Every structure is written in structure tokens, then in C-alpha cells.
Amino acid sequence: MNTALFPEVKVLLQQYEQYTQLAEQKALTSHALAKAKLKGETFNTLQDKYSALRTQLQALSDAMTFAGPDIWMQYKYEAYKQEAHPIRTMSDFRVHCSKPDYICTKRYTFLNQRLVEKGEASLTDTHTYPDTLSLDEVLRGPAITNLLQDDNFMKDWATYEYHTADGRVAKWENFR
């Protein structure tokens, strides 16, 4: 990405690295736990470790928030650039944000709805946002830049991004 990294994205990337390490530990522990169960071995210590890792992963996931779509989009680009399915272009972004009930789908839908309400082209418009268009170009474009200046949009984004329910983090669960 040609745009300088937002400081928030740097923190999120550190959290992502920590998350991937914990997820790997959890997967290894899960495998060891399954083997121990099959062998009829005592596995209380492994079960405790697995539960602790799951709790740590959830806490880290809950802490990873995006103050605006610019932070979210830049993070997606940077965090996934070395992954099997990088998110570099609008096509990559659309595919990533198309899973049913997925939090990124909700963020994308919200962002798209607001762009259209403001008279901008839909993110699904492949004439305005061709599949090959880089996320960096989208971020620097006037549609997103103008939306980021809209206090009502940013307030509504925060309402969903920082939503809690019954004392737990419930990001975007209130978006329909």
C-alpha cells in the first residue's frame, strides 16, 4: 500500500501476529488433546491449556477494533498480504466481505449503504471500482475521504464497532 500506515494499523498488525501465534498454539493443543482422548490418557492439563488459549484468542479478537473504514481496509490489506488469499484489490476485498453473517460483510454492507446514500457509486459497481483497483486507490479516493469527514457516519460506525451486549463485546451484532 502506498499510503503511510496509520498508527492504529501498526497496533492491529502486532495484535494479528499475536493472534496467529495463539491460534497455532490452540490448533496444536487441540490435536494433542484429541490424541490423548483417543488413547484414554488423562488430559486435564491439555484441556485447561486449550480453554485458556481459546479465552486469550477471544479477548484479543475483542480488542481488535477499527475506528473507521480506512483503518479497517488498510489493516485488511497489510495483515493479509502474506496470506494464501491476500486482500489487495477490490475483487479480493469483495470476496473477503461476502461471507454470510461475517463481521467484515456487515462492515462492507454498512460502508456501501452509506456511500450510496451520499450519492456515490456502490462498491459493487465494477465500472467505478474495477476488480483490479487497489484498496489503496479506494482509500485515497474522494468517496471514502468525504465519508470519513462525515461526523454522523463516523458516529454510526462507532455504534456498531464498539457495541456491547450483556457486558460482552458484540461488535456489529446490532447491525441488520
C-alpha atoms as a PDB file:
ATOM      1  CA  MET A   1       0.000   0.000   0.000  1.00  0.00           C
ATOM      2  CA  ASN A   2       1.366   3.401  -0.910  1.00  0.00           C
ATOM      3  CA  THR A   3      -0.422   5.211   1.903  1.00  0.00           C
ATOM      4  CA  ALA A   4       1.587   5.562   5.129  1.00  0.00           C
ATOM      5  CA  LEU A   5       0.441   3.154   7.800  1.00  0.00           C
ATOM      6  CA  PHE A   6      -1.954   4.578  10.321  1.00  0.00           C
ATOM      7  CA  PRO A   7      -0.595   4.171  13.894  1.00  0.00           C
ATOM      8  CA  GLU A   8      -3.720   2.170  14.771  1.00  0.00           C
ATOM      9  CA  VAL A   9      -2.937  -0.266  11.966  1.00  0.00           C
ATOM     10  CA  LYS A  10       0.551  -0.850  13.365  1.00  0.00           C
ATOM     11  CA  VAL A  11      -1.003  -1.863  16.693  1.00  0.00           C
ATOM     12  CA  LEU A  12      -3.576  -4.055  14.943  1.00  0.00           C
ATOM     13  CA  LEU A  13      -0.821  -5.801  12.967  1.00  0.00           C
ATOM     14  CA  GLN A  14       1.003  -6.596  16.217  1.00  0.00           C
ATOM     15  CA  GLN A  15      -2.254  -7.970  17.606  1.00  0.00           C
ATOM     16  CA  TYR A  16      -2.759 -10.021  14.443  1.00  0.00           C
ATOM     17  CA  GLU A  17       0.705 -11.536  14.783  1.00  0.00           C
ATOM     18  CA  GLN A  18      -0.059 -12.407  18.392  1.00  0.00           C
ATOM     19  CA  TYR A  19      -3.434 -13.818  17.323  1.00  0.00           C
ATOM     20  CA  THR A  20      -1.908 -16.081  14.659  1.00  0.00           C
ATOM     21  CA  GLN A  21       0.651 -17.392  17.153  1.00  0.00           C
ATOM     22  CA  LEU A  22      -2.056 -18.157  19.714  1.00  0.00           C
ATOM     23  CA  ALA A  23      -4.239 -19.767  17.038  1.00  0.00           C
ATOM     24  CA  GLU A  24      -1.351 -22.019  16.054  1.00  0.00           C
ATOM     25  CA  GLN A  25      -0.801 -22.998  19.703  1.00  0.00           C
ATOM     26  CA  LYS A  26      -4.513 -23.679  20.056  1.00  0.00           C
ATOM     27  CA  ALA A  27      -4.524 -25.909  16.969  1.00  0.00           C
ATOM     28  CA  LEU A  28      -1.528 -27.888  18.253  1.00  0.00           C
ATOM     29  CA  THR A  29      -3.129 -28.208  21.680  1.00  0.00           C
ATOM     30  CA  SER A  30      -6.397 -29.311  20.114  1.00  0.00           C
ATOM     31  CA  HIS A  31      -4.570 -32.013  18.175  1.00  0.00           C
ATOM     32  CA  ALA A  32      -2.702 -33.203  21.277  1.00  0.00           C
ATOM     33  CA  LEU A  33      -5.958 -33.177  23.230  1.00  0.00           C
ATOM     34  CA  ALA A  34      -7.701 -35.299  20.606  1.00  0.00           C
ATOM     35  CA  LYS A  35      -4.831 -37.806  20.604  1.00  0.00           C
ATOM     36  CA  ALA A  36      -4.857 -38.019  24.406  1.00  0.00           C
ATOM     37  CA  LYS A  37      -8.623 -38.611  24.448  1.00  0.00           C
ATOM     38  CA  LEU A  38      -8.322 -41.374  21.850  1.00  0.00           C
ATOM     39  CA  LYS A  39      -5.585 -43.074  23.875  1.00  0.00           C
ATOM     40  CA  GLY A  40      -7.641 -42.815  27.054  1.00  0.00           C
ATOM     41  CA  GLU A  41      -4.976 -40.689  28.710  1.00  0.00           C
ATOM     42  CA  THR A  42      -5.602 -38.041  31.335  1.00  0.00           C
ATOM     43  CA  PHE A  43      -5.939 -34.737  29.562  1.00  0.00           C
ATOM     44  CA  ASN A  44      -6.974 -32.205  32.218  1.00  0.00           C
ATOM     45  CA  THR A  45      -3.820 -30.130  31.747  1.00  0.00           C
ATOM     46  CA  LEU A  46      -4.290 -30.084  27.974  1.00  0.00           C
ATOM     47  CA  GLN A  47      -7.962 -29.180  28.376  1.00  0.00           C
ATOM     48  CA  ASP A  48      -7.039 -26.301  30.693  1.00  0.00           C
ATOM     49  CA  LYS A  49      -4.405 -25.077  28.240  1.00  0.00           C
ATOM     50  CA  TYR A  50      -6.871 -25.310  25.357  1.00  0.00           C
ATOM     51  CA  SER A  51      -9.525 -23.368  27.298  1.00  0.00           C
ATOM     52  CA  ALA A  52      -7.005 -20.689  28.274  1.00  0.00           C
ATOM     53  CA  LEU A  53      -5.869 -20.282  24.663  1.00  0.00           C
ATOM     54  CA  ARG A  54      -9.472 -20.010  23.482  1.00  0.00           C
ATOM     55  CA  THR A  55     -10.136 -17.307  26.088  1.00  0.00           C
ATOM     56  CA  GLN A  56      -6.966 -15.426  25.097  1.00  0.00           C
ATOM     57  CA  LEU A  57      -7.914 -15.568  21.434  1.00  0.00           C
ATOM     58  CA  GLN A  58     -11.386 -14.226  22.122  1.00  0.00           C
ATOM     59  CA  ALA A  59     -10.024 -11.383  24.264  1.00  0.00           C
ATOM     60  CA  LEU A  60      -7.543 -10.446  21.552  1.00  0.00           C
ATOM     61  CA  SER A  61     -10.238 -10.601  18.886  1.00  0.00           C
ATOM     62  CA  ASP A  62     -12.482  -8.387  21.019  1.00  0.00           C
ATOM     63  CA  ALA A  63      -9.677  -5.848  21.416  1.00  0.00           C
ATOM     64  CA  MET A  64      -9.070  -5.606  17.679  1.00  0.00           C
ATOM     65  CA  THR A  65     -11.337  -2.743  16.665  1.00  0.00           C
ATOM     66  CA  PHE A  66     -11.351  -0.334  13.749  1.00  0.00           C
ATOM     67  CA  ALA A  67     -12.098   3.337  14.402  1.00  0.00           C
ATOM     68  CA  GLY A  68     -13.173   3.780  10.783  1.00  0.00           C
ATOM     69  CA  PRO A  69     -13.301   2.021   7.426  1.00  0.00           C
ATOM     70  CA  ASP A  70      -9.935   3.498   6.491  1.00  0.00           C
ATOM     71  CA  ILE A  71      -8.254   1.707   9.417  1.00  0.00           C
ATOM     72  CA  TRP A  72     -10.177  -1.477   8.636  1.00  0.00           C
ATOM     73  CA  MET A  73      -9.319  -1.501   4.928  1.00  0.00           C
ATOM     74  CA  GLN A  74      -5.651  -0.671   5.445  1.00  0.00           C
ATOM     75  CA  TYR A  75      -5.418  -3.376   8.103  1.00  0.00           C
ATOM     76  CA  LYS A  76      -7.000  -5.976   5.795  1.00  0.00           C
ATOM     77  CA  TYR A  77      -4.502  -5.127   3.069  1.00  0.00           C
ATOM     78  CA  GLU A  78      -1.480  -5.252   5.374  1.00  0.00           C
ATOM     79  CA  ALA A  79      -2.462  -8.218   7.553  1.00  0.00           C
ATOM     80  CA  TYR A  80      -3.362 -10.494   4.668  1.00  0.00           C
ATOM     81  CA  LYS A  81      -0.655  -9.571   2.170  1.00  0.00           C
ATOM     82  CA  GLN A  82       1.451 -12.637   3.045  1.00  0.00           C
ATOM     83  CA  GLU A  83      -1.527 -14.977   3.447  1.00  0.00           C
ATOM     84  CA  ALA A  84      -2.795 -17.512   0.920  1.00  0.00           C
ATOM     85  CA  HIS A  85      -5.595 -15.118  -0.057  1.00  0.00           C
ATOM     86  CA  PRO A  86      -4.239 -11.553   0.110  1.00  0.00           C
ATOM     87  CA  ILE A  87      -6.631  -8.611   0.005  1.00  0.00           C
ATOM     88  CA  ARG A  88      -5.023  -6.209  -2.457  1.00  0.00           C
ATOM     89  CA  THR A  89      -7.762  -5.337  -4.914  1.00  0.00           C
ATOM     90  CA  MET A  90     -11.472  -4.623  -4.920  1.00  0.00           C
ATOM     91  CA  SER A  91     -12.084  -8.137  -6.175  1.00  0.00           C
ATOM     92  CA  ASP A  92     -10.152  -9.591  -3.214  1.00  0.00           C
ATOM     93  CA  PHE A  93     -11.985  -7.257  -0.843  1.00  0.00           C
ATOM     94  CA  ARG A  94     -15.416  -8.122  -2.246  1.00  0.00           C
ATOM     95  CA  VAL A  95     -14.740 -11.848  -1.944  1.00  0.00           C
ATOM     96  CA  HIS A  96     -13.463 -11.449   1.631  1.00  0.00           C
ATOM     97  CA  CYS A  97     -16.530  -9.416   2.559  1.00  0.00           C
ATOM     98  CA  SER A  98     -19.115 -11.716   1.010  1.00  0.00           C
ATOM     99  CA  LYS A  99     -19.406 -14.478   3.598  1.00  0.00           C
ATOM    100  CA  PRO A 100     -22.871 -14.671   5.213  1.00  0.00           C
ATOM    101  CA  ASP A 101     -23.040 -13.423   8.826  1.00  0.00           C
ATOM    102  CA  TYR A 102     -19.352 -12.451   8.728  1.00  0.00           C
ATOM    103  CA  ILE A 103     -18.371  -9.268  10.572  1.00  0.00           C
ATOM    104  CA  CYS A 104     -16.481  -7.946   7.535  1.00  0.00           C
ATOM    105  CA  THR A 105     -19.605  -8.481   5.433  1.00  0.00           C
ATOM    106  CA  LYS A 106     -21.505  -6.278   7.872  1.00  0.00           C
ATOM    107  CA  ARG A 107     -18.830  -3.563   7.785  1.00  0.00           C
ATOM    108  CA  TYR A 108     -18.724  -3.680   3.972  1.00  0.00           C
ATOM    109  CA  THR A 109     -22.528  -3.567   3.700  1.00  0.00           C
ATOM    110  CA  PHE A 110     -22.725  -0.596   6.061  1.00  0.00           C
ATOM    111  CA  LEU A 111     -19.976   1.267   4.212  1.00  0.00           C
ATOM    112  CA  ASN A 112     -21.595   0.541   0.859  1.00  0.00           C
ATOM    113  CA  GLN A 113     -25.058   1.620   2.031  1.00  0.00           C
ATOM    114  CA  ARG A 114     -23.712   4.921   3.284  1.00  0.00           C
ATOM    115  CA  LEU A 115     -21.766   5.596   0.108  1.00  0.00           C
ATOM    116  CA  VAL A 116     -24.904   5.031  -1.968  1.00  0.00           C
ATOM    117  CA  GLU A 117     -26.978   7.216   0.416  1.00  0.00           C
ATOM    118  CA  LYS A 118     -24.452  10.019  -0.195  1.00  0.00           C
ATOM    119  CA  GLY A 119     -24.924   9.682  -3.952  1.00  0.00           C
ATOM    120  CA  GLU A 120     -21.660   7.815  -4.522  1.00  0.00           C
ATOM    121  CA  ALA A 121     -21.257   4.689  -6.601  1.00  0.00           C
ATOM    122  CA  SER A 122     -21.819   1.341  -4.924  1.00  0.00           C
ATOM    123  CA  LEU A 123     -18.722  -0.650  -4.047  1.00  0.00           C
ATOM    124  CA  THR A 124     -20.209  -3.359  -6.261  1.00  0.00           C
ATOM    125  CA  ASP A 125     -20.073  -1.034  -9.293  1.00  0.00           C
ATOM    126  CA  THR A 126     -17.212  -2.545 -11.272  1.00  0.00           C
ATOM    127  CA  HIS A 127     -17.076   0.491 -13.561  1.00  0.00           C
ATOM    128  CA  THR A 128     -16.242   2.850 -10.678  1.00  0.00           C
ATOM    129  CA  TYR A 129     -14.470   0.186  -8.610  1.00  0.00           C
ATOM    130  CA  PRO A 130     -12.951  -2.270 -11.126  1.00  0.00           C
ATOM    131  CA  ASP A 131     -11.885  -5.652  -9.794  1.00  0.00           C
ATOM    132  CA  THR A 132      -8.228  -4.717 -10.314  1.00  0.00           C
ATOM    133  CA  LEU A 133      -8.465  -1.389  -8.425  1.00  0.00           C
ATOM    134  CA  SER A 134      -6.134  -1.434  -5.428  1.00  0.00           C
ATOM    135  CA  LEU A 135      -7.543  -0.871  -1.950  1.00  0.00           C
ATOM    136  CA  ASP A 136      -5.043   1.942  -1.590  1.00  0.00           C
ATOM    137  CA  GLU A 137      -6.662   3.801  -4.505  1.00  0.00           C
ATOM    138  CA  VAL A 138     -10.109   3.263  -2.983  1.00  0.00           C
ATOM    139  CA  LEU A 139      -8.905   4.633   0.355  1.00  0.00           C
ATOM    140  CA  ARG A 140      -7.407   7.731  -1.244  1.00  0.00           C
ATOM    141  CA  GLY A 141     -10.456   8.299  -3.416  1.00  0.00           C
ATOM    142  CA  PRO A 142     -12.882  11.143  -2.737  1.00  0.00           C
ATOM    143  CA  ALA A 143     -15.849   8.902  -1.874  1.00  0.00           C
ATOM    144  CA  ILE A 144     -14.164   7.320   1.169  1.00  0.00           C
ATOM    145  CA  THR A 145     -12.297  10.503   2.098  1.00  0.00           C
ATOM    146  CA  ASN A 146     -15.539  12.503   2.155  1.00  0.00           C
ATOM    147  CA  LEU A 147     -17.357   9.837   4.136  1.00  0.00           C
ATOM    148  CA  LEU A 148     -14.621   9.852   6.777  1.00  0.00           C
ATOM    149  CA  GLN A 149     -15.302  13.577   7.262  1.00  0.00           C
ATOM    150  CA  ASP A 150     -18.988  12.903   7.987  1.00  0.00           C
ATOM    151  CA  ASP A 151     -19.468  13.004  11.762  1.00  0.00           C
ATOM    152  CA  ASN A 152     -22.784  11.143  11.584  1.00  0.00           C
ATOM    153  CA  PHE A 153     -21.234   8.330   9.570  1.00  0.00           C
ATOM    154  CA  MET A 154     -18.314   8.026  11.976  1.00  0.00           C
ATOM    155  CA  LYS A 155     -20.666   8.071  14.978  1.00  0.00           C
ATOM    156  CA  ASP A 156     -22.795   5.328  13.418  1.00  0.00           C
ATOM    157  CA  TRP A 157     -19.696   3.281  12.539  1.00  0.00           C
ATOM    158  CA  ALA A 158     -18.569   3.514  16.187  1.00  0.00           C
ATOM    159  CA  THR A 159     -22.037   2.472  17.400  1.00  0.00           C
ATOM    160  CA  TYR A 160     -21.586  -0.841  15.602  1.00  0.00           C
ATOM    161  CA  GLU A 161     -17.831  -1.291  16.037  1.00  0.00           C
ATOM    162  CA  TYR A 162     -17.864  -0.750  19.812  1.00  0.00           C
ATOM    163  CA  HIS A 163     -21.229  -2.370  20.560  1.00  0.00           C
ATOM    164  CA  THR A 164     -21.572  -4.445  23.720  1.00  0.00           C
ATOM    165  CA  ALA A 165     -24.409  -6.652  24.901  1.00  0.00           C
ATOM    166  CA  ASP A 166     -24.858  -8.120  28.357  1.00  0.00           C
ATOM    167  CA  GLY A 167     -21.377  -6.990  29.349  1.00  0.00           C
ATOM    168  CA  ARG A 168     -19.610  -8.680  26.434  1.00  0.00           C
ATOM    169  CA  VAL A 169     -18.092  -7.322  23.249  1.00  0.00           C
ATOM    170  CA  ALA A 170     -20.677  -7.675  20.474  1.00  0.00           C
ATOM    171  CA  LYS A 171     -19.134  -5.855  17.507  1.00  0.00           C
ATOM    172  CA  TRP A 172     -21.618  -5.378  14.660  1.00  0.00           C
ATOM    173  CA  GLU A 173     -24.182  -7.751  16.183  1.00  0.00           C
ATOM    174  CA  ASN A 174     -26.629  -4.829  16.262  1.00  0.00           C
ATOM    175  CA  PHE A 175     -26.264  -4.180  12.514  1.00  0.00           C
ATOM    176  CA  ARG A 176     -29.037  -5.582  10.340  1.00  0.00           C
END
